[in-house]
Amino acid sequence: MPDKKFAVFGTGWWSLFQIPAWFEVGGVELVALYNRTISKAEKLADQYNIPNVYGDPEELFKNEELDFVDLITGNDFHAELVYLAAKYKVPVICQKPMATDWETCKKMVQVCEDAGVPFMIHENLRWQLPVREVKKLLDAGEIGEPYRARIQVIGYSPLEYIEQPFLKELDKLSLMDLGSHVLDTARFLFGEAETLYCQHLQSRDDIKGEDVATVVLRMEAKGDSPSVICNVEMSNATRTPWNHFPDVLMFIEGKKGSIILDADYMLSVSTDDGTKTRRIDPPIYDWIRADQPHWHASIVPCNADLLNSITTGESAETSAHDNKKTMQLIFASYESADKNEVVTLK
């Protein structure tokens, strides 16, 4: 099959990893870039020998023959670009979080459904190799039926606000930035939530949004299995001694044992037969950062799943229809914190 032709919208920090990840997947040809500051797009185009650069998003859609587009812009621009993709009947991949309010999320999904245009979200945490290994252990029944879990994405680096200065200006930070990852992973591991309770806070005075948040989820029961109580914690503020930023930590309790995903991606399974521990190392690519190896390596299988959906018509794991459920958890978390109440999901 010929390579799928695509364009990237947004040439900021994350594009430095997203674009080479597409080349690792293969079977694609990047034909155009868009960025509001066109000089940034031109610099990236020179680096990757990309033929066309645009400062007007609709001109790109008008002039290019595309099999899909990948949106790596700021959150505030996702909706208008998704609507353009729907207008020109081009399958669209959008970075998480889908949008900054619930009504816009619903409209984006509906507009693409009405246009018959595939709409997918780039959500890569569930594609981290340690997370996939935890899922395999749960599905294999290694610890029996799970009943309680803690998932943490905790970490801070001074580079975070230097490389992504826009984070300081977000009215909603941790629940949007990290929560979209962690709440999606909770759904991936344990299914859908029926209730949640959230508290969040702002630990520093040079940002607008919350940088620490905790969400307690009660997941829907499956058959005779107990409903899992899942505590989700995220922080853009915490200094840690860990080698990676930010590490993903888990502690999952089941009727036959427990699973621990610890710092530096040490995975332990404890049952009555004892404890087995191994380290889960990521694939190594020359473009990933040493302090975020699993975060960057996970882009490759995520992109491969999205490309498979575009090529075959099969639903992607992180279709927009599915990701809308994750976004509902985010907005319900803000509602819970504002009201200091448990929220029942519908």
Protein backbone atom coordinates (compact mmCIF):
# COMPACT_ATOMS: atom_id res chain seq x y z
CA MET A 1 0.00 0.00 0.00
CA PRO A 2 1.24 3.53 -0.66
CA ASP A 3 2.30 5.61 2.31
CA LYS A 4 -0.46 7.57 4.00
CA LYS A 5 0.03 11.29 3.44
CA PHE A 6 -0.50 13.47 6.50
CA ALA A 7 0.03 16.96 7.86
CA VAL A 8 0.97 18.12 11.35
CA PHE A 9 -0.67 21.18 12.90
CA GLY A 10 1.51 22.69 15.64
CA THR A 11 5.30 22.55 15.75
CA GLY A 12 5.96 23.08 19.46
CA TRP A 13 7.72 20.91 22.03
CA TRP A 14 5.64 17.73 21.67
CA SER A 15 6.05 17.67 17.87
CA LEU A 16 9.76 16.95 18.44
CA PHE A 17 8.72 13.49 19.63
CA GLN A 18 5.45 12.95 17.81
CA ILE A 19 6.94 13.43 14.34
CA PRO A 20 9.90 11.01 14.70
CA ALA A 21 7.53 8.50 16.29
CA TRP A 22 5.48 8.53 13.08
CA PHE A 23 8.63 7.73 11.12
CA GLU A 24 9.33 4.81 13.48
CA VAL A 25 5.87 3.43 12.71
CA GLY A 26 6.45 3.82 8.98
CA GLY A 27 3.97 3.71 6.15
CA VAL A 28 3.43 7.47 6.31
CA GLU A 29 4.62 10.56 4.46
CA LEU A 30 4.59 13.94 6.20
CA VAL A 31 3.78 16.43 3.44
CA ALA A 32 2.97 19.67 5.28
CA LEU A 33 3.27 21.58 8.54
CA TYR A 34 1.14 24.36 9.99
CA ASN A 35 2.07 26.75 12.78
CA ARG A 36 0.85 30.23 13.72
CA THR A 37 4.49 31.34 13.93
CA ILE A 38 5.52 30.15 10.51
CA SER A 39 9.26 30.43 11.22
CA LYS A 40 8.94 27.58 13.76
CA ALA A 41 7.31 25.39 11.13
CA GLU A 42 10.00 26.28 8.60
CA LYS A 43 12.74 25.27 11.02
CA LEU A 44 11.11 21.86 11.60
CA ALA A 45 10.47 21.45 7.88
CA ASP A 46 14.17 21.93 7.20
CA GLN A 47 15.05 19.36 9.86
CA TYR A 48 12.78 16.66 8.43
CA ASN A 49 12.77 17.69 4.74
CA ILE A 50 9.03 18.42 4.75
CA PRO A 51 8.04 20.12 1.49
CA ASN A 52 5.24 22.51 2.47
CA VAL A 53 4.68 24.96 5.32
CA TYR A 54 1.56 27.00 6.09
CA GLY A 55 0.56 29.83 8.40
CA ASP A 56 -3.13 29.45 7.49
CA PRO A 57 -4.74 26.12 8.48
CA GLU A 58 -7.52 26.23 5.88
CA GLU A 59 -5.05 26.89 3.08
CA LEU A 60 -3.30 23.69 4.05
CA PHE A 61 -6.54 21.69 3.81
CA LYS A 62 -7.35 23.32 0.46
CA ASN A 63 -3.97 22.67 -1.13
CA GLU A 64 -2.92 19.25 0.18
CA GLU A 65 -4.20 15.76 -0.58
CA LEU A 66 -4.29 14.16 2.87
CA ASP A 67 -5.11 10.77 4.34
CA PHE A 68 -5.15 12.22 7.87
CA VAL A 69 -3.99 15.13 10.01
CA ASP A 70 -2.30 15.15 13.42
CA LEU A 71 -3.13 18.10 15.69
CA ILE A 72 -0.34 18.96 18.16
CA THR A 73 -1.46 22.52 18.92
CA GLY A 74 -2.51 24.07 22.21
CA ASN A 75 -5.79 22.89 23.70
CA ASP A 76 -7.66 26.08 22.78
CA PHE A 77 -7.13 25.45 19.05
CA HIS A 78 -8.20 21.80 18.93
CA ALA A 79 -11.88 22.41 18.22
CA GLU A 80 -11.54 24.80 15.28
CA LEU A 81 -9.02 22.50 13.59
CA VAL A 82 -11.19 19.42 14.16
CA TYR A 83 -14.11 21.28 12.58
CA LEU A 84 -11.91 22.11 9.57
CA ALA A 85 -10.90 18.46 9.23
CA ALA A 86 -14.57 17.48 9.31
CA LYS A 87 -15.37 20.14 6.69
CA TYR A 88 -12.72 18.77 4.32
CA LYS A 89 -13.51 15.12 5.14
CA VAL A 90 -10.03 14.33 6.49
CA PRO A 91 -9.55 11.82 9.35
CA VAL A 92 -8.20 13.67 12.37
CA ILE A 93 -5.97 12.79 15.31
CA CYS A 94 -6.00 15.27 18.18
CA GLN A 95 -3.68 15.57 21.16
CA LYS A 96 -5.15 15.12 24.61
CA PRO A 97 -6.99 16.75 26.27
CA MET A 98 -9.67 16.90 23.60
CA ALA A 99 -11.00 20.31 24.67
CA THR A 100 -11.17 22.59 27.69
CA ASP A 101 -14.93 22.29 28.32
CA TRP A 102 -17.46 19.47 28.19
CA GLU A 103 -19.86 21.00 25.68
CA THR A 104 -17.06 21.49 23.16
CA CYS A 105 -15.93 17.87 23.57
CA LYS A 106 -19.43 16.65 22.80
CA LYS A 107 -19.75 18.99 19.80
CA MET A 108 -16.38 17.91 18.35
CA VAL A 109 -17.38 14.25 18.47
CA GLN A 110 -20.81 14.98 17.01
CA VAL A 111 -19.50 17.15 14.17
CA CYS A 112 -17.11 14.39 13.07
CA GLU A 113 -19.79 11.72 13.38
CA ASP A 114 -22.20 13.81 11.30
CA ALA A 115 -19.49 14.32 8.65
CA GLY A 116 -18.54 10.64 8.66
CA VAL A 117 -14.93 11.58 9.54
CA PRO A 118 -12.82 9.35 11.83
CA PHE A 119 -11.81 11.28 14.96
CA MET A 120 -9.17 9.93 17.35
CA ILE A 121 -7.28 11.18 20.39
CA HIS A 122 -3.56 10.74 20.92
CA GLU A 123 -3.52 9.29 24.45
CA ASN A 124 -0.23 7.49 24.98
CA LEU A 125 0.01 6.64 28.71
CA ARG A 126 -2.02 3.44 28.31
CA TRP A 127 0.55 2.45 25.66
CA GLN A 128 3.51 2.61 28.04
CA LEU A 129 5.05 -0.86 28.20
CA PRO A 130 4.74 -1.19 32.02
CA VAL A 131 1.04 -0.26 31.83
CA ARG A 132 0.46 -2.88 29.13
CA GLU A 133 2.24 -5.44 31.31
CA VAL A 134 0.02 -4.59 34.28
CA LYS A 135 -3.04 -5.03 32.05
CA LYS A 136 -1.80 -8.45 30.94
CA LEU A 137 -1.33 -9.53 34.56
CA LEU A 138 -4.83 -8.40 35.49
CA ASP A 139 -6.42 -10.07 32.48
CA ALA A 140 -4.54 -13.31 33.24
CA GLY A 141 -5.92 -13.31 36.78
CA GLU A 142 -2.46 -13.27 38.37
CA ILE A 143 -3.77 -11.52 41.51
CA GLY A 144 -7.39 -12.63 41.25
CA GLU A 145 -10.19 -10.11 41.15
CA PRO A 146 -8.86 -6.61 41.90
CA TYR A 147 -10.73 -4.56 44.49
CA ARG A 148 -8.53 -1.52 45.21
CA ALA A 149 -5.90 0.41 43.29
CA ARG A 150 -3.74 3.50 43.41
CA ILE A 151 -2.37 5.07 40.24
CA GLN A 152 0.04 7.99 40.59
CA VAL A 153 1.72 10.25 38.08
CA ILE A 154 3.94 12.30 40.34
CA GLY A 155 6.86 14.40 39.32
CA TYR A 156 8.31 17.81 38.66
CA SER A 157 11.23 19.18 36.70
CA PRO A 158 12.19 22.85 36.27
CA LEU A 159 12.31 22.07 32.54
CA GLU A 160 8.55 21.47 32.55
CA TYR A 161 7.67 25.15 32.67
CA ILE A 162 10.63 26.20 30.52
CA GLU A 163 9.86 23.82 27.66
CA GLN A 164 6.10 24.26 27.97
CA PRO A 165 5.61 27.80 29.37
CA PHE A 166 1.93 27.76 28.40
CA LEU A 167 1.32 25.39 31.34
CA LYS A 168 1.68 28.31 33.72
CA GLU A 169 -1.17 30.14 32.00
CA LEU A 170 -3.73 27.31 32.08
CA ASP A 171 -6.72 27.87 34.36
CA LYS A 172 -6.99 24.07 34.58
CA LEU A 173 -3.64 22.31 34.86
CA SER A 174 -3.07 18.96 36.58
CA LEU A 175 -6.47 17.39 35.98
CA MET A 176 -6.30 18.40 32.32
CA ASP A 177 -2.60 17.82 31.65
CA LEU A 178 -1.92 14.69 33.72
CA GLY A 179 -5.48 13.73 34.64
CA SER A 180 -6.35 13.05 31.01
CA HIS A 181 -3.58 10.43 31.08
CA VAL A 182 -4.21 8.87 34.49
CA LEU A 183 -8.00 8.79 34.38
CA ASP A 184 -7.81 7.20 30.93
CA THR A 185 -5.43 4.57 32.33
CA ALA A 186 -7.81 3.84 35.20
CA ARG A 187 -10.54 3.21 32.63
CA PHE A 188 -8.18 1.06 30.55
CA LEU A 189 -7.34 -1.14 33.54
CA PHE A 190 -10.65 -1.31 35.41
CA GLY A 191 -13.49 -0.17 33.14
CA GLU A 192 -15.89 2.69 33.68
CA ALA A 193 -16.44 4.69 36.87
CA GLU A 194 -19.84 5.06 38.50
CA THR A 195 -18.92 7.72 41.09
CA LEU A 196 -15.98 9.98 41.88
CA TYR A 197 -14.79 12.45 44.49
CA CYS A 198 -12.00 14.99 43.85
CA GLN A 199 -9.89 17.51 45.71
CA HIS A 200 -7.18 19.67 44.17
CA LEU A 201 -4.89 22.56 45.14
CA GLN A 202 -2.36 25.05 43.82
CA SER A 203 1.04 24.74 45.51
CA ARG A 204 2.89 27.58 43.78
CA ASP A 205 1.99 31.21 43.20
CA ASP A 206 3.42 31.67 39.68
CA ILE A 207 0.77 29.56 37.92
CA LYS A 208 -2.96 29.95 37.35
CA GLY A 209 -4.27 26.40 37.68
CA GLU A 210 -4.13 23.53 40.15
CA ASP A 211 -0.88 21.53 40.19
CA VAL A 212 -1.89 18.78 42.65
CA ALA A 213 -5.06 16.67 42.46
CA THR A 214 -6.53 13.47 43.88
CA VAL A 215 -9.58 11.65 42.51
CA VAL A 216 -11.26 8.66 44.17
CA LEU A 217 -13.18 6.53 41.67
CA ARG A 218 -15.58 3.69 42.34
CA MET A 219 -15.57 1.60 39.21
CA GLU A 220 -18.59 -0.30 37.92
CA ALA A 221 -18.80 -3.89 39.15
CA LYS A 222 -18.37 -6.60 36.52
CA GLY A 223 -20.59 -9.63 37.12
CA ASP A 224 -19.75 -11.18 40.48
CA SER A 225 -16.48 -9.24 40.76
CA PRO A 226 -16.25 -6.45 43.35
CA SER A 227 -16.27 -2.85 42.18
CA VAL A 228 -12.72 -1.50 42.26
CA ILE A 229 -11.98 1.55 44.40
CA CYS A 230 -9.32 3.41 42.44
CA ASN A 231 -7.38 6.33 43.90
CA VAL A 232 -5.84 8.48 41.17
CA GLU A 233 -3.17 11.02 42.13
CA MET A 234 -1.34 13.52 39.96
CA SER A 235 1.13 16.31 40.56
CA ASN A 236 3.00 18.86 38.46
CA ALA A 237 4.74 20.09 41.61
CA THR A 238 6.36 17.26 43.57
CA ARG A 239 10.15 16.93 43.78
CA THR A 240 11.19 13.27 43.84
CA PRO A 241 14.46 11.29 43.87
CA TRP A 242 13.35 9.22 40.86
CA ASN A 243 15.36 9.03 37.66
CA HIS A 244 12.41 9.66 35.38
CA PHE A 245 9.94 12.51 35.18
CA PRO A 246 7.21 11.86 35.91
CA ASP A 247 7.18 8.20 36.93
CA VAL A 248 3.96 6.20 36.79
CA LEU A 249 3.39 4.32 40.06
CA MET A 250 0.73 1.71 40.81
CA PHE A 251 -0.39 -0.44 43.71
CA ILE A 252 -3.22 -2.84 42.88
CA GLU A 253 -4.76 -5.19 45.42
CA GLY A 254 -6.60 -8.36 44.40
CA LYS A 255 -8.13 -11.37 46.13
CA LYS A 256 -5.02 -13.49 45.41
CA GLY A 257 -2.24 -10.93 45.65
CA SER A 258 -0.99 -7.52 44.60
CA ILE A 259 0.83 -5.73 41.81
CA ILE A 260 3.28 -2.90 42.43
CA LEU A 261 4.72 -0.72 39.68
CA ASP A 262 7.42 1.20 41.52
CA ALA A 263 9.91 3.96 40.75
CA ASP A 264 12.22 3.30 37.79
CA TYR A 265 9.55 0.93 36.44
CA MET A 266 10.18 -2.02 38.74
CA LEU A 267 7.18 -4.37 38.48
CA SER A 268 6.42 -6.78 41.34
CA VAL A 269 3.70 -9.41 41.68
CA SER A 270 3.09 -10.81 45.18
CA THR A 271 0.97 -13.88 45.91
CA ASP A 272 1.04 -16.71 48.46
CA ASP A 273 3.82 -18.24 46.35
CA GLY A 274 6.08 -15.24 46.98
CA THR A 275 7.11 -12.10 45.11
CA LYS A 276 8.50 -11.85 41.60
CA THR A 277 10.11 -8.58 40.53
CA ARG A 278 11.41 -7.44 37.18
CA ARG A 279 12.28 -4.16 35.52
CA ILE A 280 10.29 -3.08 32.47
CA ASP A 281 12.62 -1.19 30.15
CA PRO A 282 11.29 0.83 27.20
CA PRO A 283 12.29 0.45 23.57
CA ILE A 284 15.14 2.81 22.86
CA TYR A 285 15.03 5.34 20.04
CA ASP A 286 17.63 8.00 19.37
CA TRP A 287 15.06 10.82 19.63
CA ILE A 288 13.62 10.07 23.10
CA ARG A 289 14.69 11.97 26.20
CA ALA A 290 16.61 10.05 28.88
CA ASP A 291 14.42 11.46 31.66
CA GLN A 292 11.14 10.46 29.95
CA PRO A 293 11.91 7.17 28.16
CA HIS A 294 8.57 5.40 28.55
CA TRP A 295 6.54 8.55 27.87
CA HIS A 296 8.23 9.12 24.54
CA ALA A 297 8.63 5.48 23.48
CA SER A 298 4.89 4.93 24.06
CA ILE A 299 4.07 7.35 21.24
CA VAL A 300 5.13 4.70 18.73
CA PRO A 301 2.56 1.97 19.59
CA CYS A 302 -0.09 4.64 20.13
CA ASN A 303 0.54 6.05 16.64
CA ALA A 304 0.62 2.52 15.20
CA ASP A 305 -2.86 1.85 16.60
CA LEU A 306 -4.17 5.14 15.21
CA LEU A 307 -2.67 4.43 11.79
CA ASN A 308 -4.18 0.94 11.81
CA SER A 309 -7.58 2.51 12.43
CA ILE A 310 -7.12 4.92 9.52
CA THR A 311 -5.92 2.12 7.24
CA THR A 312 -8.41 -0.63 8.13
CA GLY A 313 -11.42 1.25 9.48
CA GLU A 314 -11.18 -0.64 12.79
CA SER A 315 -11.86 1.46 15.88
CA ALA A 316 -8.78 2.85 17.59
CA GLU A 317 -8.39 2.18 21.30
CA THR A 318 -8.45 5.90 21.88
CA SER A 319 -11.19 6.93 19.50
CA ALA A 320 -12.76 10.27 20.33
CA HIS A 321 -15.97 8.43 21.20
CA ASP A 322 -14.07 6.46 23.84
CA ASN A 323 -11.97 9.39 25.02
CA LYS A 324 -15.10 11.43 25.62
CA LYS A 325 -15.65 9.18 28.66
CA THR A 326 -12.24 10.18 30.00
CA MET A 327 -13.03 13.85 29.44
CA GLN A 328 -16.30 13.40 31.34
CA LEU A 329 -14.26 12.19 34.33
CA ILE A 330 -12.07 15.30 34.16
CA PHE A 331 -14.97 17.74 34.15
CA ALA A 332 -16.80 15.73 36.80
CA SER A 333 -13.65 15.96 38.95
CA TYR A 334 -13.68 19.76 38.75
CA GLU A 335 -17.39 19.72 39.60
CA SER A 336 -16.75 17.47 42.59
CA ALA A 337 -13.96 19.68 43.92
CA ASP A 338 -16.00 22.86 43.42
CA LYS A 339 -18.99 21.42 45.28
CA ASN A 340 -17.02 19.20 47.68
CA GLU A 341 -19.40 16.39 46.73
CA VAL A 342 -19.37 12.89 45.31
CA VAL A 343 -20.46 13.00 41.65
CA THR A 344 -22.45 10.17 40.10
CA LEU A 345 -21.53 9.52 36.47
CA LYS A 346 -24.27 9.02 33.91
